[in-house]
C-alpha atoms as a PDB file:
ATOM      1  CA  MET A   1      94.583 121.846 213.558  1.00  0.00           C
ATOM      2  CA  ILE A   2      95.665 125.025 215.336  1.00  0.00           C
ATOM      3  CA  LEU A   3      93.676 125.894 218.563  1.00  0.00           C
ATOM      4  CA  LYS A   4      93.719 129.440 220.147  1.00  0.00           C
ATOM      5  CA  SER A   5      96.518 130.126 222.541  1.00  0.00           C
ATOM      6  CA  GLN A   6      93.900 130.883 224.855  1.00  0.00           C
ATOM      7  CA  VAL A   7      93.234 127.355 224.977  1.00  0.00           C
ATOM      8  CA  GLU A   8      96.736 126.826 226.529  1.00  0.00           C
ATOM      9  CA  TRP A   9      96.192 129.658 229.048  1.00  0.00           C
ATOM     10  CA  ALA A  10      92.838 128.136 230.141  1.00  0.00           C
ATOM     11  CA  LEU A  11      94.395 124.968 230.770  1.00  0.00           C
ATOM     12  CA  HIS A  12      97.351 126.643 232.875  1.00  0.00           C
ATOM     13  CA  CYS A  13      95.056 128.862 234.661  1.00  0.00           C
ATOM     14  CA  CYS A  14      92.639 126.011 235.419  1.00  0.00           C
ATOM     15  CA  ALA A  15      95.497 123.474 237.022  1.00  0.00           C
ATOM     16  CA  ILE A  16      96.596 126.825 239.052  1.00  0.00           C
ATOM     17  CA  LEU A  17      93.095 127.167 240.374  1.00  0.00           C
ATOM     18  CA  ALA A  18      92.849 123.495 241.348  1.00  0.00           C
ATOM     19  CA  GLY A  19      95.079 124.227 243.811  1.00  0.00           C
ATOM     20  CA  LEU A  20      93.261 126.681 245.369  1.00  0.00           C
ATOM     21  CA  PRO A  21      91.481 126.255 248.977  1.00  0.00           C
ATOM     22  CA  GLU A  22      87.898 126.335 249.511  1.00  0.00           C
ATOM     23  CA  GLY A  23      86.355 129.793 249.287  1.00  0.00           C
ATOM     24  CA  ARG A  24      89.550 131.575 247.675  1.00  0.00           C
ATOM     25  CA  TYR A  25      89.776 133.225 244.406  1.00  0.00           C
ATOM     26  CA  LEU A  26      92.757 134.010 242.599  1.00  0.00           C
ATOM     27  CA  SER A  27      92.612 137.311 240.327  1.00  0.00           C
ATOM     28  CA  THR A  28      93.178 137.656 236.533  1.00  0.00           C
ATOM     29  CA  LYS A  29      96.166 139.991 237.555  1.00  0.00           C
ATOM     30  CA  ALA A  30      97.955 137.400 239.657  1.00  0.00           C
ATOM     31  CA  LEU A  31      97.274 134.747 236.962  1.00  0.00           C
ATOM     32  CA  ALA A  32      98.468 136.599 234.222  1.00  0.00           C
ATOM     33  CA  GLU A  33     101.588 137.836 236.171  1.00  0.00           C
ATOM     34  CA  PHE A  34     102.270 133.993 237.044  1.00  0.00           C
ATOM     35  CA  HIS A  35     102.204 132.861 233.579  1.00  0.00           C
ATOM     36  CA  GLY A  36     103.307 136.180 231.948  1.00  0.00           C
ATOM     37  CA  LEU A  37     100.714 137.264 229.850  1.00  0.00           C
ATOM     38  CA  PRO A  38      98.758 140.340 229.170  1.00  0.00           C
ATOM     39  CA  LYS A  39      96.228 140.572 231.481  1.00  0.00           C
ATOM     40  CA  GLU A  40      93.377 141.887 228.967  1.00  0.00           C
ATOM     41  CA  TYR A  41      94.245 138.894 226.928  1.00  0.00           C
ATOM     42  CA  LEU A  42      93.959 136.383 229.531  1.00  0.00           C
ATOM     43  CA  SER A  43      90.758 138.009 230.648  1.00  0.00           C
ATOM     44  CA  LYS A  44      89.034 136.987 227.402  1.00  0.00           C
ATOM     45  CA  ALA A  45      89.983 133.422 227.803  1.00  0.00           C
ATOM     46  CA  LEU A  46      88.685 133.295 231.723  1.00  0.00           C
ATOM     47  CA  GLN A  47      85.381 134.867 230.584  1.00  0.00           C
ATOM     48  CA  SER A  48      84.923 132.246 228.246  1.00  0.00           C
ATOM     49  CA  LEU A  49      85.608 129.713 231.332  1.00  0.00           C
ATOM     50  CA  SER A  50      82.922 131.586 233.293  1.00  0.00           C
ATOM     51  CA  GLN A  51      80.187 131.850 230.562  1.00  0.00           C
ATOM     52  CA  ALA A  52      80.747 128.169 229.989  1.00  0.00           C
ATOM     53  CA  GLY A  53      80.154 127.880 233.950  1.00  0.00           C
ATOM     54  CA  LEU A  54      83.635 125.968 234.753  1.00  0.00           C
ATOM     55  CA  VAL A  55      84.774 128.901 236.966  1.00  0.00           C
ATOM     56  CA  HIS A  56      83.200 131.268 239.575  1.00  0.00           C
ATOM     57  CA  THR A  57      84.058 134.621 239.692  1.00  0.00           C
ATOM     58  CA  THR A  58      83.475 137.406 242.055  1.00  0.00           C
ATOM     59  CA  LEU A  59      84.470 140.990 242.001  1.00  0.00           C
ATOM     60  CA  GLY A  60      86.027 143.016 244.881  1.00  0.00           C
ATOM     61  CA  PRO A  61      89.630 143.282 246.085  1.00  0.00           C
ATOM     62  CA  SER A  62      89.558 139.812 247.005  1.00  0.00           C
ATOM     63  CA  GLY A  63      88.045 138.784 243.840  1.00  0.00           C
ATOM     64  CA  GLY A  64      89.148 136.666 240.802  1.00  0.00           C
ATOM     65  CA  TYR A  65      88.342 133.122 239.723  1.00  0.00           C
ATOM     66  CA  ARG A  66      87.984 129.541 241.315  1.00  0.00           C
ATOM     67  CA  LEU A  67      87.049 126.424 239.687  1.00  0.00           C
ATOM     68  CA  ALA A  68      82.670 125.890 239.625  1.00  0.00           C
ATOM     69  CA  ARG A  69      83.500 121.940 240.174  1.00  0.00           C
ATOM     70  CA  PRO A  70      86.303 119.615 241.638  1.00  0.00           C
ATOM     71  CA  PRO A  71      89.217 119.086 239.639  1.00  0.00           C
ATOM     72  CA  ALA A  72      88.204 115.052 238.881  1.00  0.00           C
ATOM     73  CA  GLU A  73      84.759 116.634 237.523  1.00  0.00           C
ATOM     74  CA  LEU A  74      86.162 118.713 234.575  1.00  0.00           C
ATOM     75  CA  THR A  75      87.570 117.471 231.383  1.00  0.00           C
ATOM     76  CA  PHE A  76      90.196 118.815 229.132  1.00  0.00           C
ATOM     77  CA  LEU A  77      87.267 118.879 226.500  1.00  0.00           C
ATOM     78  CA  GLU A  78      85.077 121.129 228.538  1.00  0.00           C
ATOM     79  CA  ILE A  79      87.804 123.569 228.738  1.00  0.00           C
ATOM     80  CA  ILE A  80      88.907 123.250 225.183  1.00  0.00           C
ATOM     81  CA  GLU A  81      85.330 123.696 224.030  1.00  0.00           C
ATOM     82  CA  ALA A  82      84.691 126.724 226.623  1.00  0.00           C
ATOM     83  CA  VAL A  83      87.395 128.664 224.713  1.00  0.00           C
ATOM     84  CA  GLU A  84      86.969 127.397 221.022  1.00  0.00           C
ATOM     85  CA  GLY A  85      83.339 126.556 220.767  1.00  0.00           C
ATOM     86  CA  ARG A  86      82.125 122.928 220.041  1.00  0.00           C
ATOM     87  CA  ALA A  87      82.066 123.269 216.107  1.00  0.00           C
ATOM     88  CA  PRO A  88      83.462 120.122 214.425  1.00  0.00           C
ATOM     89  CA  THR A  89      87.585 120.473 213.494  1.00  0.00           C
ATOM     90  CA  PHE A  90      86.541 119.657 210.088  1.00  0.00           C
ATOM     91  CA  VAL A  91      83.777 120.775 207.902  1.00  0.00           C
ATOM     92  CA  CYS A  92      83.078 119.259 204.681  1.00  0.00           C
ATOM     93  CA  THR A  93      81.923 121.234 201.752  1.00  0.00           C
ATOM     94  CA  ASN A  94      81.208 118.256 199.252  1.00  0.00           C
ATOM     95  CA  ILE A  95      83.580 119.403 196.601  1.00  0.00           C
ATOM     96  CA  ARG A  96      83.460 115.892 195.060  1.00  0.00           C
ATOM     97  CA  ALA A  97      79.763 117.203 193.347  1.00  0.00           C
ATOM     98  CA  ASN A  98      82.119 119.539 191.114  1.00  0.00           C
ATOM     99  CA  ASN A  99      83.600 116.668 189.780  1.00  0.00           C
ATOM    100  CA  PRO A 100      82.983 117.266 185.546  1.00  0.00           C
ATOM    101  CA  CYS A 101      82.650 113.427 184.989  1.00  0.00           C
ATOM    102  CA  ARG A 102      80.081 113.121 187.125  1.00  0.00           C
ATOM    103  CA  PRO A 103      76.640 111.762 185.363  1.00  0.00           C
ATOM    104  CA  GLN A 104      73.937 114.282 185.484  1.00  0.00           C
ATOM    105  CA  GLY A 105      71.547 113.753 188.142  1.00  0.00           C
ATOM    106  CA  TYR A 106      74.237 111.573 189.910  1.00  0.00           C
ATOM    107  CA  CYS A 107      73.622 112.165 193.698  1.00  0.00           C
ATOM    108  CA  GLU A 108      75.923 110.750 196.440  1.00  0.00           C
ATOM    109  CA  SER A 109      74.327 109.613 199.361  1.00  0.00           C
ATOM    110  CA  GLY A 110      76.295 110.072 202.869  1.00  0.00           C
ATOM    111  CA  PRO A 111      79.454 111.433 203.686  1.00  0.00           C
ATOM    112  CA  CYS A 112      82.508 110.650 201.796  1.00  0.00           C
ATOM    113  CA  ALA A 113      85.455 108.772 202.581  1.00  0.00           C
ATOM    114  CA  VAL A 114      87.337 112.037 203.249  1.00  0.00           C
ATOM    115  CA  ALA A 115      84.551 113.383 205.672  1.00  0.00           C
ATOM    116  CA  ARG A 116      84.018 109.979 207.203  1.00  0.00           C
ATOM    117  CA  ILE A 117      87.824 109.478 207.815  1.00  0.00           C
ATOM    118  CA  MET A 118      88.115 113.385 209.448  1.00  0.00           C
ATOM    119  CA  GLY A 119      84.762 112.874 211.436  1.00  0.00           C
ATOM    120  CA  GLU A 120      86.343 109.722 213.436  1.00  0.00           C
ATOM    121  CA  ALA A 121      89.554 111.443 213.843  1.00  0.00           C
ATOM    122  CA  ASP A 122      87.403 114.515 215.377  1.00  0.00           C
ATOM    123  CA  GLU A 123      85.768 112.112 217.549  1.00  0.00           C
ATOM    124  CA  ALA A 124      88.629 110.046 218.550  1.00  0.00           C
ATOM    125  CA  TRP A 125      90.559 113.561 219.834  1.00  0.00           C
ATOM    126  CA  ARG A 126      87.448 114.604 221.480  1.00  0.00           C
ATOM    127  CA  ALA A 127      87.048 111.274 223.123  1.00  0.00           C
ATOM    128  CA  LYS A 128      90.883 111.519 224.198  1.00  0.00           C
ATOM    129  CA  LEU A 129      90.343 115.202 225.919  1.00  0.00           C
ATOM    130  CA  ARG A 130      86.772 113.735 227.372  1.00  0.00           C
ATOM    131  CA  SER A 131      88.749 111.234 229.263  1.00  0.00           C
ATOM    132  CA  VAL A 132      91.583 113.421 230.595  1.00  0.00           C
ATOM    133  CA  ARG A 133      90.381 115.286 233.626  1.00  0.00           C
ATOM    134  CA  LEU A 134      92.032 118.293 235.342  1.00  0.00           C
ATOM    135  CA  SER A 135      93.246 116.130 238.298  1.00  0.00           C
ATOM    136  CA  ASP A 136      94.914 113.891 236.156  1.00  0.00           C
ATOM    137  CA  LEU A 137      96.642 117.246 234.819  1.00  0.00           C
ATOM    138  CA  VAL A 138      97.448 118.328 238.384  1.00  0.00           C
ATOM    139  CA  ALA A 139      98.379 114.617 239.143  1.00  0.00           C
ATOM    140  CA  SER A 140     101.081 114.824 236.185  1.00  0.00           C
ATOM    141  CA  LEU A 141     102.474 118.393 237.313  1.00  0.00           C
ATOM    142  CA  SER A 142     103.259 117.594 240.713  1.00  0.00           C
ATOM    143  CA  GLN A 143     105.049 114.312 239.697  1.00  0.00           C
ATOM    144  CA  GLU A 144     107.286 116.307 236.980  1.00  0.00           C
ATOM    145  CA  ILE A 145     107.753 119.408 238.327  1.00  0.00           C
ATOM    146  CA  PRO A 146     110.782 119.718 241.112  1.00  0.00           C
ATOM    147  CA  ALA A 147     109.204 119.591 244.585  1.00  0.00           C
ATOM    148  CA  GLU A 148     110.812 123.181 245.681  1.00  0.00           C
ATOM    149  CA  LEU A 149     109.604 124.742 242.541  1.00  0.00           C
ATOM    150  CA  TRP A 150     106.118 122.997 242.965  1.00  0.00           C
ATOM    151  CA  ARG A 151     106.072 124.351 246.735  1.00  0.00           C
ATOM    152  CA  SER A 152     107.144 128.039 246.016  1.00  0.00           C
ATOM    153  CA  SER A 153     104.678 128.181 243.060  1.00  0.00           C
ATOM    154  CA  PHE A 154     101.756 127.059 245.418  1.00  0.00           C
ATOM    155  CA  GLU A 155     102.896 129.649 248.154  1.00  0.00           C
ATOM    156  CA  TRP A 156     103.086 132.754 245.725  1.00  0.00           C
ATOM    157  CA  VAL A 157      99.716 131.373 244.211  1.00  0.00           C
ATOM    158  CA  LEU A 158      98.127 131.535 248.043  1.00  0.00           C
ATOM    159  CA  ASP A 159      99.817 134.600 248.976  1.00  0.00           C
ATOM    160  CA  ARG A 160      98.102 136.443 246.366  1.00  0.00           C
ATOM    161  CA  ALA A 161      94.485 134.394 246.762  1.00  0.00           C
ATOM    162  CA  GLY A 162      91.598 136.520 248.220  1.00  0.00           C
END
């Protein structure tokens, strides 16, 4: 399974937005500059987050984006589904019905083993992503990123937040 690059962008942007003080917004331009991404393409990912109600947006010189809920209330799955949609990762087309050895009138009931296993894998993947909160990501990043880089990045973001 290959997810759109916008999923990565959305997750990273949400991690940055998680650090904004109450009432502050960060522009698409600043988020694009911080991550070295084309503003026009990043804008689509941010619009998906807005349409899903995961971020608030405001217009004007101090406009931009901020999280709609606290980071502890946002899951990876919500962010991914905002960008990718909620469709299952596997769609069974029931090719077993094309078996030339199948007796006429034979009808399989229920999904085949392939569809069941893929469905279970999809649910396991979603369960894992549902269990990881944006606040978990922020906690991991704060431990993994060197303190000076963490501080300077936060200052850079705050200098550009409206």
